[in-house]
């Protein structure tokens, strides 16, 4: 919702640290919960559960291994959260030596939050593991690059081969959405 040009977020945004909170608050009008690293304590999980029940939660972590670990812990312990993903290229520092939400522009953060996806565990498979193999998303020489671009296009973030299937289910990605995105990935590859 816009508020005088400043986007107001109803949900509470879960971030990793203070610098992420500053970046989020520079981009939108929102409240945050900080996990303070990947060892999320019981108290923080309780805060996230309470926030989810009261206002809803959007998880916005760094696009790296610790960020994905935090996201996974939250998904397991507080199911039903929304997830926002920043593409790696939007989260890299100017010097190129740091990856994190705190490095993203206000526009990139707003876009990630606008495109936040609701996770679900009651979705029937529309894309199979065989589909992922057929499109070279698992085990091919360009698999990693393809998964990264597909994750950006579908707004579900980057995953390894095993996790991609789960994430497609978790975020209820339809066969049509998948087909459009993979066609785009393959077309971009042709034009390189």
N, C-alpha and C. Protein backbone atom coordinates (compact mmCIF):
# COMPACT_ATOMS: atom_id res chain seq x y z
N UNK A 1 0.84 -1.18 0.00
CA UNK A 1 0.00 0.00 0.00
C UNK A 1 0.89 1.25 0.00
N UNK A 2 0.56 2.20 -0.84
CA UNK A 2 1.36 3.42 -0.93
C UNK A 2 0.88 4.42 0.12
N UNK A 3 1.80 5.16 0.68
CA UNK A 3 1.50 6.17 1.67
C UNK A 3 2.35 7.40 1.35
N UNK A 4 1.82 8.26 0.50
CA UNK A 4 2.58 9.44 0.09
C UNK A 4 3.86 9.07 -0.64
N UNK A 5 3.81 8.06 -1.50
CA UNK A 5 4.99 7.64 -2.25
C UNK A 5 5.86 6.66 -1.49
N UNK A 6 5.54 6.40 -0.22
CA UNK A 6 6.33 5.50 0.62
C UNK A 6 5.50 4.26 0.88
N UNK A 7 5.97 3.12 0.45
CA UNK A 7 5.21 1.87 0.54
C UNK A 7 5.13 1.41 2.00
N UNK A 8 3.90 1.20 2.48
CA UNK A 8 3.66 0.71 3.85
C UNK A 8 3.44 -0.79 3.77
N UNK A 9 4.18 -1.54 4.57
CA UNK A 9 4.06 -3.00 4.59
C UNK A 9 3.35 -3.40 5.88
N UNK A 10 2.25 -4.10 5.74
CA UNK A 10 1.46 -4.54 6.89
C UNK A 10 2.18 -5.63 7.67
N UNK A 11 2.81 -6.58 6.93
CA UNK A 11 3.48 -7.69 7.57
C UNK A 11 4.77 -7.22 8.24
N UNK A 12 5.24 -8.02 9.19
CA UNK A 12 6.53 -7.75 9.82
C UNK A 12 7.59 -8.49 8.99
N UNK A 13 8.68 -7.80 8.70
CA UNK A 13 9.71 -8.37 7.84
C UNK A 13 10.83 -8.96 8.70
N UNK A 14 11.15 -10.22 8.45
CA UNK A 14 12.22 -10.89 9.18
C UNK A 14 13.51 -10.73 8.37
N UNK A 15 14.51 -10.11 9.01
CA UNK A 15 15.82 -9.89 8.38
C UNK A 15 16.90 -10.47 9.29
N UNK A 16 18.14 -10.48 8.80
CA UNK A 16 19.22 -11.08 9.57
C UNK A 16 19.82 -10.14 10.62
N UNK A 17 19.97 -8.86 10.30
CA UNK A 17 20.64 -7.98 11.26
C UNK A 17 20.26 -6.52 11.15
N UNK A 18 20.93 -5.71 11.96
CA UNK A 18 20.64 -4.28 12.06
C UNK A 18 20.80 -3.54 10.72
N UNK A 19 21.87 -3.87 9.96
CA UNK A 19 22.10 -3.20 8.67
C UNK A 19 20.97 -3.51 7.69
N UNK A 20 20.43 -4.73 7.77
CA UNK A 20 19.29 -5.10 6.92
C UNK A 20 18.05 -4.30 7.31
N UNK A 21 17.84 -4.13 8.61
CA UNK A 21 16.70 -3.34 9.09
C UNK A 21 16.81 -1.91 8.55
N UNK A 22 17.99 -1.32 8.61
CA UNK A 22 18.20 0.04 8.11
C UNK A 22 17.86 0.11 6.62
N UNK A 23 18.35 -0.86 5.84
CA UNK A 23 18.08 -0.88 4.39
C UNK A 23 16.59 -1.01 4.11
N UNK A 24 15.91 -1.90 4.85
CA UNK A 24 14.47 -2.09 4.66
C UNK A 24 13.71 -0.82 5.01
N UNK A 25 14.06 -0.20 6.13
CA UNK A 25 13.36 1.02 6.57
C UNK A 25 13.64 2.21 5.65
N UNK A 26 14.77 2.19 4.93
CA UNK A 26 15.03 3.22 3.93
C UNK A 26 14.18 3.01 2.68
N UNK A 27 13.72 1.78 2.48
CA UNK A 27 12.94 1.45 1.28
C UNK A 27 11.44 1.53 1.50
N UNK A 28 10.99 1.09 2.68
CA UNK A 28 9.55 1.00 2.96
C UNK A 28 9.26 1.35 4.42
N UNK A 29 8.00 1.60 4.69
CA UNK A 29 7.54 1.82 6.04
C UNK A 29 7.14 0.45 6.59
N UNK A 30 7.99 -0.12 7.44
CA UNK A 30 7.73 -1.48 7.93
C UNK A 30 8.43 -1.71 9.27
N UNK A 31 7.95 -2.73 9.97
CA UNK A 31 8.59 -3.19 11.20
C UNK A 31 9.39 -4.44 10.86
N UNK A 32 10.47 -4.66 11.61
CA UNK A 32 11.31 -5.84 11.35
C UNK A 32 11.56 -6.63 12.63
N UNK A 33 11.91 -7.89 12.42
CA UNK A 33 12.45 -8.74 13.47
C UNK A 33 13.81 -9.18 12.95
N UNK A 34 14.84 -9.05 13.78
CA UNK A 34 16.18 -9.45 13.38
C UNK A 34 16.52 -10.81 13.98
N UNK A 35 17.04 -11.71 13.15
CA UNK A 35 17.41 -13.04 13.64
C UNK A 35 18.78 -13.03 14.31
N UNK A 36 19.58 -12.00 14.05
CA UNK A 36 20.94 -11.88 14.59
C UNK A 36 21.79 -13.10 14.27
N UNK A 37 21.80 -13.48 13.01
CA UNK A 37 22.62 -14.60 12.55
C UNK A 37 21.82 -15.85 12.30
N UNK A 38 22.54 -16.91 11.90
CA UNK A 38 21.85 -18.13 11.48
C UNK A 38 21.53 -19.08 12.63
N UNK A 39 22.00 -18.77 13.82
CA UNK A 39 21.62 -19.59 14.99
C UNK A 39 20.40 -18.94 15.64
N UNK A 40 19.24 -19.16 15.04
CA UNK A 40 18.02 -18.50 15.50
C UNK A 40 17.59 -19.10 16.83
N UNK A 41 17.48 -18.24 17.83
CA UNK A 41 17.08 -18.70 19.16
C UNK A 41 15.58 -18.92 19.27
N UNK A 42 15.21 -19.64 20.30
CA UNK A 42 13.81 -19.97 20.58
C UNK A 42 12.96 -18.69 20.73
N UNK A 43 13.56 -17.68 21.38
CA UNK A 43 12.85 -16.43 21.62
C UNK A 43 12.48 -15.74 20.29
N UNK A 44 13.42 -15.75 19.32
CA UNK A 44 13.17 -15.13 18.01
C UNK A 44 12.09 -15.91 17.27
N UNK A 45 12.14 -17.24 17.34
CA UNK A 45 11.11 -18.07 16.69
C UNK A 45 9.75 -17.74 17.28
N UNK A 46 9.67 -17.59 18.60
CA UNK A 46 8.41 -17.23 19.25
C UNK A 46 7.90 -15.87 18.78
N UNK A 47 8.82 -14.90 18.62
CA UNK A 47 8.46 -13.57 18.10
C UNK A 47 7.88 -13.69 16.69
N UNK A 48 8.53 -14.51 15.86
CA UNK A 48 8.09 -14.68 14.47
C UNK A 48 6.70 -15.34 14.44
N UNK A 49 6.47 -16.35 15.29
CA UNK A 49 5.16 -17.02 15.35
C UNK A 49 4.08 -16.00 15.74
N UNK A 50 4.37 -15.20 16.77
CA UNK A 50 3.41 -14.20 17.24
C UNK A 50 3.13 -13.18 16.14
N UNK A 51 4.19 -12.72 15.49
CA UNK A 51 4.04 -11.73 14.40
C UNK A 51 3.21 -12.31 13.26
N UNK A 52 3.46 -13.57 12.90
CA UNK A 52 2.73 -14.21 11.81
C UNK A 52 1.24 -14.27 12.14
N UNK A 53 0.92 -14.64 13.36
CA UNK A 53 -0.49 -14.73 13.76
C UNK A 53 -1.18 -13.37 13.81
N UNK A 54 -0.46 -12.33 14.19
CA UNK A 54 -1.04 -11.00 14.34
C UNK A 54 -1.09 -10.20 13.04
N UNK A 55 0.03 -10.17 12.33
CA UNK A 55 0.12 -9.27 11.16
C UNK A 55 0.61 -9.95 9.89
N UNK A 56 1.13 -11.14 10.03
CA UNK A 56 1.77 -11.79 8.89
C UNK A 56 3.25 -11.49 8.90
N UNK A 57 4.01 -12.34 8.22
CA UNK A 57 5.47 -12.22 8.20
C UNK A 57 5.97 -12.38 6.77
N UNK A 58 6.96 -11.57 6.42
CA UNK A 58 7.68 -11.74 5.16
C UNK A 58 9.15 -11.98 5.53
N UNK A 59 9.70 -13.11 5.10
CA UNK A 59 11.10 -13.43 5.36
C UNK A 59 11.94 -12.86 4.21
N UNK A 60 12.90 -12.00 4.55
CA UNK A 60 13.81 -11.40 3.55
C UNK A 60 15.24 -11.58 4.06
N UNK A 61 15.87 -12.67 3.65
CA UNK A 61 17.24 -12.96 4.09
C UNK A 61 18.22 -12.80 2.93
N UNK A 62 19.49 -12.80 3.27
CA UNK A 62 20.54 -12.66 2.25
C UNK A 62 20.49 -13.85 1.28
N UNK A 63 20.81 -13.61 0.01
CA UNK A 63 20.79 -14.69 -0.98
C UNK A 63 22.09 -15.52 -0.94
N UNK A 64 22.37 -16.10 0.23
CA UNK A 64 23.56 -16.92 0.40
C UNK A 64 23.22 -18.12 1.28
N UNK A 65 24.20 -18.97 1.56
CA UNK A 65 23.93 -20.19 2.33
C UNK A 65 23.35 -19.89 3.72
N UNK A 66 23.97 -18.99 4.52
CA UNK A 66 23.38 -18.71 5.84
C UNK A 66 21.95 -18.15 5.74
N UNK A 67 21.71 -17.30 4.74
CA UNK A 67 20.36 -16.75 4.55
C UNK A 67 19.35 -17.84 4.23
N UNK A 68 19.75 -18.78 3.38
CA UNK A 68 18.87 -19.91 3.04
C UNK A 68 18.65 -20.80 4.25
N UNK A 69 19.67 -20.97 5.07
CA UNK A 69 19.55 -21.79 6.29
C UNK A 69 18.52 -21.16 7.23
N UNK A 70 18.60 -19.86 7.42
CA UNK A 70 17.64 -19.14 8.27
C UNK A 70 16.23 -19.32 7.72
N UNK A 71 16.08 -19.14 6.41
CA UNK A 71 14.78 -19.28 5.74
C UNK A 71 14.20 -20.68 5.99
N UNK A 72 15.05 -21.69 5.89
CA UNK A 72 14.62 -23.09 6.07
C UNK A 72 14.17 -23.33 7.52
N UNK A 73 14.92 -22.82 8.49
CA UNK A 73 14.56 -22.97 9.91
C UNK A 73 13.21 -22.32 10.16
N UNK A 74 13.02 -21.11 9.64
CA UNK A 74 11.74 -20.41 9.83
C UNK A 74 10.61 -21.19 9.18
N UNK A 75 10.82 -21.68 7.95
CA UNK A 75 9.78 -22.44 7.25
C UNK A 75 9.37 -23.68 8.03
N UNK A 76 10.35 -24.35 8.63
CA UNK A 76 10.05 -25.56 9.40
C UNK A 76 9.33 -25.25 10.70
N UNK A 77 9.72 -24.18 11.37
CA UNK A 77 9.17 -23.89 12.70
C UNK A 77 7.98 -22.93 12.68
N UNK A 78 7.85 -22.15 11.61
CA UNK A 78 6.72 -21.21 11.49
C UNK A 78 6.17 -21.34 10.07
N UNK A 79 5.46 -22.43 9.77
CA UNK A 79 4.95 -22.61 8.40
C UNK A 79 3.93 -21.55 8.01
N UNK A 80 3.87 -21.27 6.71
CA UNK A 80 2.86 -20.35 6.19
C UNK A 80 3.31 -18.91 6.06
N UNK A 81 4.60 -18.64 6.23
CA UNK A 81 5.12 -17.28 6.06
C UNK A 81 5.21 -16.94 4.58
N UNK A 82 5.27 -15.65 4.29
CA UNK A 82 5.59 -15.19 2.94
C UNK A 82 7.11 -15.09 2.85
N UNK A 83 7.63 -15.24 1.63
CA UNK A 83 9.07 -15.14 1.42
C UNK A 83 9.35 -14.17 0.28
N UNK A 84 10.30 -13.26 0.52
CA UNK A 84 10.75 -12.32 -0.51
C UNK A 84 12.20 -12.65 -0.81
N UNK A 85 12.55 -12.58 -2.08
CA UNK A 85 13.90 -12.96 -2.51
C UNK A 85 14.55 -11.83 -3.29
N UNK A 86 15.78 -11.54 -2.94
CA UNK A 86 16.60 -10.59 -3.70
C UNK A 86 17.52 -11.39 -4.60
N UNK A 87 17.56 -11.08 -5.89
CA UNK A 87 18.55 -11.73 -6.75
C UNK A 87 19.96 -11.37 -6.26
N UNK A 88 20.91 -12.30 -6.40
CA UNK A 88 22.28 -12.05 -5.94
C UNK A 88 22.84 -10.76 -6.50
N UNK A 89 22.59 -10.50 -7.79
CA UNK A 89 23.16 -9.30 -8.42
C UNK A 89 22.65 -8.01 -7.77
N UNK A 90 21.47 -8.07 -7.12
CA UNK A 90 20.91 -6.89 -6.45
C UNK A 90 21.44 -6.73 -5.03
N UNK A 91 22.09 -7.79 -4.50
CA UNK A 91 22.48 -7.79 -3.09
C UNK A 91 24.00 -7.76 -2.88
N UNK A 92 24.74 -7.54 -3.96
CA UNK A 92 26.20 -7.56 -3.84
C UNK A 92 26.71 -6.14 -3.57
N UNK A 93 27.70 -6.04 -2.71
CA UNK A 93 28.25 -4.72 -2.37
C UNK A 93 28.97 -4.11 -3.57
N UNK A 94 29.16 -2.80 -3.53
CA UNK A 94 29.84 -2.11 -4.63
C UNK A 94 31.25 -2.67 -4.87
N UNK A 95 31.94 -3.05 -3.80
CA UNK A 95 33.28 -3.62 -3.92
C UNK A 95 33.23 -5.09 -4.38
N UNK A 96 32.04 -5.70 -4.32
CA UNK A 96 31.89 -7.09 -4.75
C UNK A 96 32.35 -8.11 -3.73
N UNK A 97 32.56 -7.67 -2.48
CA UNK A 97 33.09 -8.59 -1.48
C UNK A 97 32.08 -8.97 -0.39
N UNK A 98 30.83 -8.55 -0.56
CA UNK A 98 29.83 -8.81 0.47
C UNK A 98 28.47 -9.00 -0.21
N UNK A 99 27.73 -9.98 0.27
CA UNK A 99 26.42 -10.28 -0.28
C UNK A 99 25.39 -10.13 0.83
N UNK A 100 24.41 -9.24 0.66
CA UNK A 100 23.42 -9.09 1.71
C UNK A 100 22.34 -8.07 1.38
N UNK A 101 21.24 -8.18 2.11
CA UNK A 101 20.11 -7.26 1.98
C UNK A 101 20.58 -5.82 2.15
N UNK A 102 21.53 -5.60 3.07
CA UNK A 102 21.99 -4.24 3.36
C UNK A 102 22.63 -3.56 2.16
N UNK A 103 23.03 -4.33 1.13
CA UNK A 103 23.66 -3.76 -0.06
C UNK A 103 22.66 -3.41 -1.16
N UNK A 104 21.44 -3.86 -1.03
CA UNK A 104 20.43 -3.68 -2.07
C UNK A 104 19.90 -2.24 -2.10
N UNK A 105 19.50 -1.81 -3.28
CA UNK A 105 18.90 -0.48 -3.41
C UNK A 105 17.48 -0.52 -2.84
N UNK A 106 16.94 0.64 -2.53
CA UNK A 106 15.57 0.73 -2.02
C UNK A 106 14.59 0.14 -3.05
N UNK A 107 14.83 0.42 -4.33
CA UNK A 107 13.95 -0.11 -5.39
C UNK A 107 13.98 -1.63 -5.43
N UNK A 108 15.17 -2.22 -5.29
CA UNK A 108 15.29 -3.69 -5.31
C UNK A 108 14.56 -4.31 -4.12
N UNK A 109 14.66 -3.67 -2.96
CA UNK A 109 13.96 -4.18 -1.77
C UNK A 109 12.45 -4.06 -1.94
N UNK A 110 12.00 -2.92 -2.44
CA UNK A 110 10.55 -2.75 -2.67
C UNK A 110 10.02 -3.80 -3.64
N UNK A 111 10.75 -4.05 -4.72
CA UNK A 111 10.33 -5.04 -5.72
C UNK A 111 10.28 -6.44 -5.10
N UNK A 112 11.31 -6.80 -4.34
CA UNK A 112 11.33 -8.11 -3.68
C UNK A 112 10.13 -8.27 -2.74
N UNK A 113 9.82 -7.23 -1.98
CA UNK A 113 8.70 -7.31 -1.04
C UNK A 113 7.36 -7.36 -1.78
N UNK A 114 7.26 -6.61 -2.86
CA UNK A 114 6.03 -6.61 -3.66
C UNK A 114 5.77 -8.00 -4.24
N UNK A 115 6.85 -8.69 -4.60
CA UNK A 115 6.74 -10.02 -5.21
C UNK A 115 6.82 -11.16 -4.21
N UNK A 116 6.69 -10.87 -2.93
CA UNK A 116 6.77 -11.92 -1.90
C UNK A 116 5.78 -13.04 -2.20
N UNK A 117 6.23 -14.27 -2.00
CA UNK A 117 5.43 -15.46 -2.29
C UNK A 117 4.96 -16.11 -0.99
N UNK A 118 3.72 -16.55 -0.98
CA UNK A 118 3.18 -17.28 0.17
C UNK A 118 3.57 -18.75 0.05
N UNK A 119 4.17 -19.30 1.11
CA UNK A 119 4.52 -20.73 1.04
C UNK A 119 3.29 -21.55 1.39
N UNK A 120 3.28 -22.77 0.91
CA UNK A 120 2.16 -23.67 1.14
C UNK A 120 2.66 -25.10 1.13
N UNK A 121 1.96 -25.98 1.84
CA UNK A 121 2.35 -27.38 1.81
C UNK A 121 1.21 -28.27 1.30
N UNK A 122 0.19 -27.65 0.71
CA UNK A 122 -0.95 -28.44 0.24
C UNK A 122 -1.15 -28.30 -1.27
N UNK A 123 -0.06 -28.26 -2.01
CA UNK A 123 -0.09 -28.03 -3.45
C UNK A 123 0.27 -29.32 -4.16
N UNK A 124 -0.50 -29.67 -5.15
CA UNK A 124 -0.21 -30.88 -5.91
C UNK A 124 0.87 -30.59 -6.94
N UNK A 125 1.72 -31.57 -7.13
CA UNK A 125 2.84 -31.43 -8.06
C UNK A 125 2.36 -31.07 -9.45
N UNK A 126 2.96 -30.04 -10.02
CA UNK A 126 2.69 -29.66 -11.41
C UNK A 126 3.96 -29.79 -12.24
N UNK A 127 5.10 -29.69 -11.57
CA UNK A 127 6.38 -29.82 -12.25
C UNK A 127 7.13 -30.97 -11.58
N UNK A 128 7.52 -31.95 -12.34
CA UNK A 128 8.16 -33.14 -11.77
C UNK A 128 9.68 -33.02 -11.78
N UNK A 129 10.32 -33.93 -11.07
CA UNK A 129 11.79 -34.00 -11.09
C UNK A 129 12.28 -34.28 -12.50
N UNK A 130 11.50 -35.07 -13.24
CA UNK A 130 11.84 -35.37 -14.63
C UNK A 130 11.85 -34.10 -15.48
N UNK A 131 10.88 -33.20 -15.22
CA UNK A 131 10.85 -31.91 -15.94
C UNK A 131 12.14 -31.12 -15.66
N UNK A 132 12.57 -31.14 -14.41
CA UNK A 132 13.77 -30.39 -14.03
C UNK A 132 15.00 -30.95 -14.74
N UNK A 133 15.05 -32.27 -14.84
CA UNK A 133 16.16 -32.93 -15.56
C UNK A 133 16.10 -32.58 -17.05
N UNK A 134 14.88 -32.67 -17.62
CA UNK A 134 14.70 -32.44 -19.06
C UNK A 134 15.13 -31.03 -19.47
N UNK A 135 14.93 -30.07 -18.60
CA UNK A 135 15.28 -28.68 -18.92
C UNK A 135 16.69 -28.31 -18.43
N UNK A 136 17.45 -29.31 -18.02
CA UNK A 136 18.84 -29.06 -17.63
C UNK A 136 18.99 -28.23 -16.38
N UNK A 137 18.04 -28.38 -15.46
CA UNK A 137 18.11 -27.64 -14.20
C UNK A 137 18.81 -28.45 -13.11
N UNK A 138 18.98 -29.73 -13.37
CA UNK A 138 19.69 -30.62 -12.46
C UNK A 138 20.73 -31.39 -13.27
N UNK A 139 21.97 -31.31 -12.85
CA UNK A 139 23.01 -32.14 -13.44
C UNK A 139 23.60 -31.72 -14.77
N UNK A 140 23.12 -30.67 -15.37
CA UNK A 140 23.70 -30.23 -16.64
C UNK A 140 24.82 -29.23 -16.42
N UNK A 141 25.55 -28.93 -17.50
CA UNK A 141 26.69 -28.00 -17.35
C UNK A 141 26.22 -26.57 -17.05
N UNK A 142 25.02 -26.21 -17.46
CA UNK A 142 24.48 -24.87 -17.17
C UNK A 142 23.42 -24.89 -16.07
N UNK A 143 23.31 -26.01 -15.37
CA UNK A 143 22.22 -26.19 -14.40
C UNK A 143 22.18 -25.08 -13.34
N UNK A 144 23.32 -24.80 -12.74
CA UNK A 144 23.36 -23.78 -11.68
C UNK A 144 22.90 -22.42 -12.20
N UNK A 145 23.45 -22.03 -13.33
CA UNK A 145 23.11 -20.73 -13.94
C UNK A 145 21.61 -20.69 -14.28
N UNK A 146 21.10 -21.77 -14.84
CA UNK A 146 19.67 -21.83 -15.18
C UNK A 146 18.79 -21.74 -13.94
N UNK A 147 19.16 -22.46 -12.87
CA UNK A 147 18.37 -22.41 -11.63
C UNK A 147 18.37 -21.01 -11.04
N UNK A 148 19.53 -20.35 -11.11
CA UNK A 148 19.63 -19.00 -10.56
C UNK A 148 18.71 -18.05 -11.32
N UNK A 149 18.74 -18.10 -12.63
CA UNK A 149 17.89 -17.21 -13.44
C UNK A 149 16.42 -17.58 -13.28
N UNK A 150 16.10 -18.87 -13.25
CA UNK A 150 14.71 -19.32 -13.05
C UNK A 150 14.18 -18.81 -11.71
N UNK A 151 15.01 -18.92 -10.67
CA UNK A 151 14.62 -18.43 -9.34
C UNK A 151 14.33 -16.94 -9.35
N UNK A 152 15.14 -16.17 -10.11
CA UNK A 152 14.90 -14.73 -10.22
C UNK A 152 13.57 -14.47 -10.92
N UNK A 153 13.34 -15.14 -12.04
CA UNK A 153 12.12 -14.91 -12.82
C UNK A 153 10.86 -15.31 -12.06
N UNK A 154 10.92 -16.41 -11.32
CA UNK A 154 9.74 -16.89 -10.58
C UNK A 154 9.62 -16.25 -9.20
N UNK A 155 10.61 -15.46 -8.82
CA UNK A 155 10.63 -14.77 -7.52
C UNK A 155 10.65 -15.76 -6.36
N UNK A 156 11.39 -16.87 -6.53
CA UNK A 156 11.48 -17.89 -5.48
C UNK A 156 12.92 -18.07 -4.99
N UNK A 157 13.83 -17.25 -5.47
CA UNK A 157 15.21 -17.32 -5.03
C UNK A 157 15.99 -18.47 -5.65
N UNK A 158 17.29 -18.47 -5.40
CA UNK A 158 18.19 -19.49 -5.95
C UNK A 158 18.24 -20.69 -5.01
N UNK A 159 18.23 -21.87 -5.56
CA UNK A 159 18.36 -23.09 -4.77
C UNK A 159 19.28 -24.08 -5.47
N UNK A 160 19.68 -25.08 -4.71
CA UNK A 160 20.41 -26.18 -5.34
C UNK A 160 19.38 -27.07 -6.04
N UNK A 161 19.84 -28.08 -6.74
CA UNK A 161 18.94 -28.95 -7.50
C UNK A 161 17.88 -29.63 -6.66
N UNK A 162 18.28 -30.14 -5.48
CA UNK A 162 17.32 -30.83 -4.60
C UNK A 162 16.22 -29.90 -4.12
N UNK A 163 16.62 -28.69 -3.74
CA UNK A 163 15.67 -27.75 -3.15
C UNK A 163 14.73 -27.11 -4.17
N UNK A 164 15.11 -27.06 -5.43
CA UNK A 164 14.28 -26.42 -6.45
C UNK A 164 12.90 -27.08 -6.52
N UNK A 165 12.87 -28.39 -6.57
CA UNK A 165 11.59 -29.11 -6.64
C UNK A 165 10.70 -28.73 -5.45
N UNK A 166 11.27 -28.73 -4.24
CA UNK A 166 10.51 -28.40 -3.03
C UNK A 166 9.98 -26.97 -3.10
N UNK A 167 10.83 -26.06 -3.57
CA UNK A 167 10.42 -24.66 -3.61
C UNK A 167 9.31 -24.43 -4.64
N UNK A 168 9.36 -25.13 -5.76
CA UNK A 168 8.30 -25.01 -6.77
C UNK A 168 6.96 -25.45 -6.16
N UNK A 169 6.99 -26.50 -5.36
CA UNK A 169 5.78 -26.97 -4.66
C UNK A 169 5.36 -25.97 -3.59
N UNK A 170 6.32 -25.57 -2.77
CA UNK A 170 6.04 -24.70 -1.63
C UNK A 170 5.38 -23.39 -2.04
N UNK A 171 5.80 -22.84 -3.20
CA UNK A 171 5.25 -21.56 -3.64
C UNK A 171 4.20 -21.71 -4.73
N UNK A 172 3.67 -22.92 -4.88
CA UNK A 172 2.55 -23.19 -5.80
C UNK A 172 2.81 -22.68 -7.21
N UNK A 173 3.99 -22.97 -7.74
CA UNK A 173 4.32 -22.54 -9.10
C UNK A 173 3.58 -23.45 -10.08
N UNK A 174 2.81 -22.82 -10.96
CA UNK A 174 2.03 -23.59 -11.93
C UNK A 174 2.90 -24.04 -13.10
N UNK A 175 2.39 -25.01 -13.83
CA UNK A 175 3.08 -25.51 -15.03
C UNK A 175 3.30 -24.34 -16.02
N UNK A 176 2.26 -23.47 -16.15
CA UNK A 176 2.34 -22.33 -17.07
C UNK A 176 3.43 -21.35 -16.65
N UNK A 177 3.47 -21.02 -15.36
CA UNK A 177 4.49 -20.09 -14.86
C UNK A 177 5.89 -20.66 -15.10
N UNK A 178 6.03 -21.95 -14.80
CA UNK A 178 7.31 -22.62 -15.00
C UNK A 178 7.71 -22.60 -16.47
N UNK A 179 6.76 -22.95 -17.34
CA UNK A 179 7.04 -23.01 -18.78
C UNK A 179 7.48 -21.65 -19.32
N UNK A 180 6.75 -20.60 -18.94
CA UNK A 180 7.12 -19.24 -19.38
C UNK A 180 8.52 -18.88 -18.93
N UNK A 181 8.82 -19.16 -17.66
CA UNK A 181 10.12 -18.78 -17.10
C UNK A 181 11.25 -19.58 -17.75
N UNK A 182 11.07 -20.89 -17.92
CA UNK A 182 12.15 -21.70 -18.49
C UNK A 182 12.36 -21.34 -19.96
N UNK A 183 11.29 -20.99 -20.67
CA UNK A 183 11.44 -20.53 -22.06
C UNK A 183 12.27 -19.25 -22.11
N UNK A 184 12.02 -18.34 -21.18
CA UNK A 184 12.78 -17.09 -21.09
C UNK A 184 14.25 -17.39 -20.81
N UNK A 185 14.51 -18.31 -19.87
CA UNK A 185 15.89 -18.67 -19.53
C UNK A 185 16.62 -19.22 -20.75
N UNK A 186 15.96 -20.13 -21.46
CA UNK A 186 16.58 -20.76 -22.63
C UNK A 186 16.79 -19.75 -23.77
N UNK A 187 15.83 -18.83 -23.94
CA UNK A 187 15.95 -17.79 -24.98
C UNK A 187 17.14 -16.88 -24.66
N UNK A 188 17.28 -16.49 -23.39
CA UNK A 188 18.41 -15.64 -23.00
C UNK A 188 19.73 -16.35 -23.25
N UNK A 189 19.76 -17.66 -22.96
CA UNK A 189 20.97 -18.46 -23.18
C UNK A 189 21.37 -18.46 -24.66
N UNK A 190 20.37 -18.60 -25.53
CA UNK A 190 20.61 -18.60 -26.98
C UNK A 190 21.23 -17.30 -27.44
N UNK A 191 20.79 -16.19 -26.83
CA UNK A 191 21.23 -14.86 -27.24
C UNK A 191 22.57 -14.43 -26.64
N UNK A 192 23.18 -15.27 -25.83
CA UNK A 192 24.47 -14.91 -25.20
C UNK A 192 25.61 -15.04 -26.18
